[in-house]
Protein backbone atom coordinates (compact mmCIF):
# COMPACT_ATOMS: atom_id res chain seq x y z
CA UNK A 1 -14.76 24.94 30.68
CA UNK A 2 -14.60 22.32 27.23
CA UNK A 3 -11.90 23.95 24.66
CA UNK A 4 -13.29 21.92 21.90
CA UNK A 5 -10.29 20.82 21.20
CA UNK A 6 -10.14 16.98 20.51
CA UNK A 7 -7.25 14.19 21.28
CA UNK A 8 -6.50 13.13 18.07
CA UNK A 9 -6.65 9.07 17.47
CA UNK A 10 -2.72 8.56 16.93
CA UNK A 11 -2.58 9.90 20.40
CA UNK A 12 -4.81 7.18 21.90
CA UNK A 13 -2.97 4.62 19.85
CA UNK A 14 0.15 5.39 20.67
CA UNK A 15 -0.07 5.81 24.35
CA UNK A 16 -2.15 2.45 24.38
CA UNK A 17 1.09 0.90 22.97
CA UNK A 18 3.54 2.90 25.38
CA UNK A 19 1.54 1.67 28.52
CA UNK A 20 1.18 -2.39 27.06
CA UNK A 21 5.02 -2.53 25.64
CA UNK A 22 6.06 -0.39 28.84
CA UNK A 23 10.25 0.28 27.88
CA UNK A 24 10.00 -2.94 25.62
CA UNK A 25 9.21 -0.05 22.92
CA UNK A 26 11.60 1.93 23.74
CA UNK A 27 9.39 5.13 24.47
CA UNK A 28 9.99 6.36 27.55
CA UNK A 29 8.00 9.77 26.70
CA UNK A 30 5.15 10.85 24.75
CA UNK A 31 5.43 14.69 24.11
CA UNK A 32 1.74 16.00 23.43
CA UNK A 33 0.54 19.57 22.03
CA UNK A 34 -1.98 21.70 20.35
CA UNK A 35 -1.83 20.94 16.40
CA UNK A 36 -1.21 23.97 14.30
CA UNK A 37 -4.85 24.48 13.26
CA UNK A 38 -5.90 24.73 17.02
CA UNK A 39 -8.80 21.55 16.72
CA UNK A 40 -6.07 18.75 18.17
CA UNK A 41 -4.17 17.26 20.93
CA UNK A 42 -1.34 15.99 19.01
CA UNK A 43 1.95 14.13 19.30
CA UNK A 44 4.68 16.72 19.00
CA UNK A 45 6.89 15.60 16.22
CA UNK A 46 9.29 17.85 16.82
CA UNK A 47 10.91 16.29 19.44
CA UNK A 48 11.20 12.52 18.41
CA UNK A 49 12.46 11.44 22.29
CA UNK A 50 11.74 7.84 21.34
CA UNK A 51 14.84 7.64 19.72
CA UNK A 52 17.04 9.54 22.00
CA UNK A 53 18.84 7.22 24.64
CA UNK A 54 20.32 8.92 27.83
CA UNK A 55 22.02 7.12 30.79
CA UNK A 56 19.54 8.91 33.09
CA UNK A 57 15.89 9.43 31.84
CA UNK A 58 15.20 11.77 34.32
CA UNK A 59 17.69 14.19 32.86
CA UNK A 60 16.03 13.65 29.46
CA UNK A 61 12.66 14.57 31.25
CA UNK A 62 13.63 17.73 32.55
CA UNK A 63 15.50 18.54 29.15
CA UNK A 64 12.47 18.01 26.71
CA UNK A 65 10.18 20.64 29.47
CA UNK A 66 11.01 23.70 27.01
CA UNK A 67 10.64 27.23 28.58
CA UNK A 68 8.91 28.71 25.76
CA UNK A 69 6.03 25.95 24.78
CA UNK A 70 3.44 24.49 26.81
CA UNK A 71 2.79 20.92 26.52
CA UNK A 72 1.86 17.39 28.07
CA UNK A 73 4.35 14.49 28.91
CA UNK A 74 3.71 11.50 29.46
CA UNK A 75 7.00 9.68 31.19
CA UNK A 76 7.07 5.92 31.83
CA UNK A 77 9.39 6.34 34.94
CA UNK A 78 11.23 3.28 36.23
CA UNK A 79 11.53 3.35 40.26
CA UNK A 80 12.46 1.18 43.05
CA UNK A 81 10.71 0.69 46.28
CA UNK A 82 12.29 0.29 50.13
CA UNK A 83 11.42 -3.46 49.48
CA UNK A 84 13.87 -3.64 46.00
CA UNK A 85 10.75 -3.95 43.88
CA UNK A 86 11.84 -2.56 40.41
CA UNK A 87 8.49 -0.77 38.93
CA UNK A 88 7.37 1.47 36.02
CA UNK A 89 4.37 3.60 35.90
CA UNK A 90 3.22 6.44 33.77
CA UNK A 91 3.17 10.08 35.28
CA UNK A 92 1.12 12.41 33.24
CA UNK A 93 2.99 16.12 33.34
CA UNK A 94 0.98 19.13 32.29
CA UNK A 95 3.94 21.65 31.75
CA UNK A 96 2.77 25.35 31.19
CA UNK A 97 6.04 27.74 31.74
CA UNK A 98 5.65 31.30 32.49
CA UNK A 99 7.18 32.14 28.97
CA UNK A 100 4.78 30.12 26.90
CA UNK A 101 2.01 31.58 24.93
CA UNK A 102 -0.79 32.78 26.85
CA UNK A 103 -3.42 31.26 24.38
CA UNK A 104 -1.26 27.86 24.00
CA UNK A 105 -1.81 27.81 28.07
CA UNK A 106 -5.37 28.18 28.04
CA UNK A 107 -6.00 25.98 25.35
CA UNK A 108 -3.87 23.00 27.02
CA UNK A 109 -5.70 23.77 30.31
CA UNK A 110 -8.71 23.52 29.24
CA UNK A 111 -8.37 20.27 27.35
CA UNK A 112 -6.26 18.47 30.73
CA UNK A 113 -9.64 16.69 32.09
CA UNK A 114 -10.67 15.28 28.61
CA UNK A 115 -6.85 13.86 28.09
CA UNK A 116 -7.12 12.37 31.77
CA UNK A 117 -10.06 10.70 31.00
CA UNK A 118 -9.07 9.29 27.82
CA UNK A 119 -5.62 8.28 28.74
CA UNK A 120 -6.09 5.47 31.40
CA UNK A 121 -3.53 3.92 33.42
CA UNK A 122 -1.80 6.68 34.52
CA UNK A 123 -0.52 6.50 38.41
CA UNK A 124 -0.09 9.91 39.23
CA UNK A 125 -0.21 13.53 37.54
CA UNK A 126 2.00 17.08 38.02
CA UNK A 127 1.29 20.44 36.97
CA UNK A 128 4.48 22.06 36.71
CA UNK A 129 5.27 25.81 35.75
CA UNK A 130 9.02 26.23 35.92
CA UNK A 131 12.11 23.06 36.37
CA UNK A 132 11.92 24.51 40.44
CA UNK A 133 8.21 22.72 40.57
CA UNK A 134 10.09 19.54 40.25
CA UNK A 135 12.75 17.27 41.41
CA UNK A 136 13.34 13.61 41.84
CA UNK A 137 12.44 13.92 45.43
CA UNK A 138 9.21 15.78 44.64
CA UNK A 139 8.38 12.93 41.87
CA UNK A 140 9.17 10.24 44.27
CA UNK A 141 6.67 11.51 46.55
CA UNK A 142 4.16 11.21 43.97
CA UNK A 143 4.59 7.91 43.35
CA UNK A 144 4.24 6.45 47.04
CA UNK A 145 6.12 6.92 50.19
CA UNK A 146 8.41 3.56 49.65
CA UNK A 147 10.02 4.99 46.81
CA UNK A 148 13.72 5.10 47.41
CA UNK A 149 15.42 5.35 43.49
CA UNK A 150 14.29 7.13 40.33
CA UNK A 151 15.94 6.00 37.03
CA UNK A 152 18.51 4.18 39.59
CA UNK A 153 19.59 7.30 41.33
CA UNK A 154 18.56 7.49 44.87
CA UNK A 155 16.07 10.17 46.40
């Protein structure tokens, strides 16, 4: 089912910048939501997560999954493999918590396919409905069988 919601050009531009510059740009997250008029997927500017610094970006990631708002979060995760390679990849997170408004969840869910088609370069994706659905171990498993650390912390 197509929602008729379009992806705002600024989302594609910011995503491309994030993908090309990786953490050199300082952006670890891109939080997307439905615009107030319900016509576009836009950057959620209420969360200026690009500027926040945290010793553990995984914990920072969890902090931005609000229990009352559905969103998409693109997370530039850093991880280490068994052979000591440090990698960075983009993870697509669809966040639809139980307490989010039903209309918001439906609009977002029906737009996911279009978003995934437009945002090339995503390593893996997760669909989360609550914080019980995610852990470092789960994220590591999605990134590959040889992942031993997420954001510098052993899994």
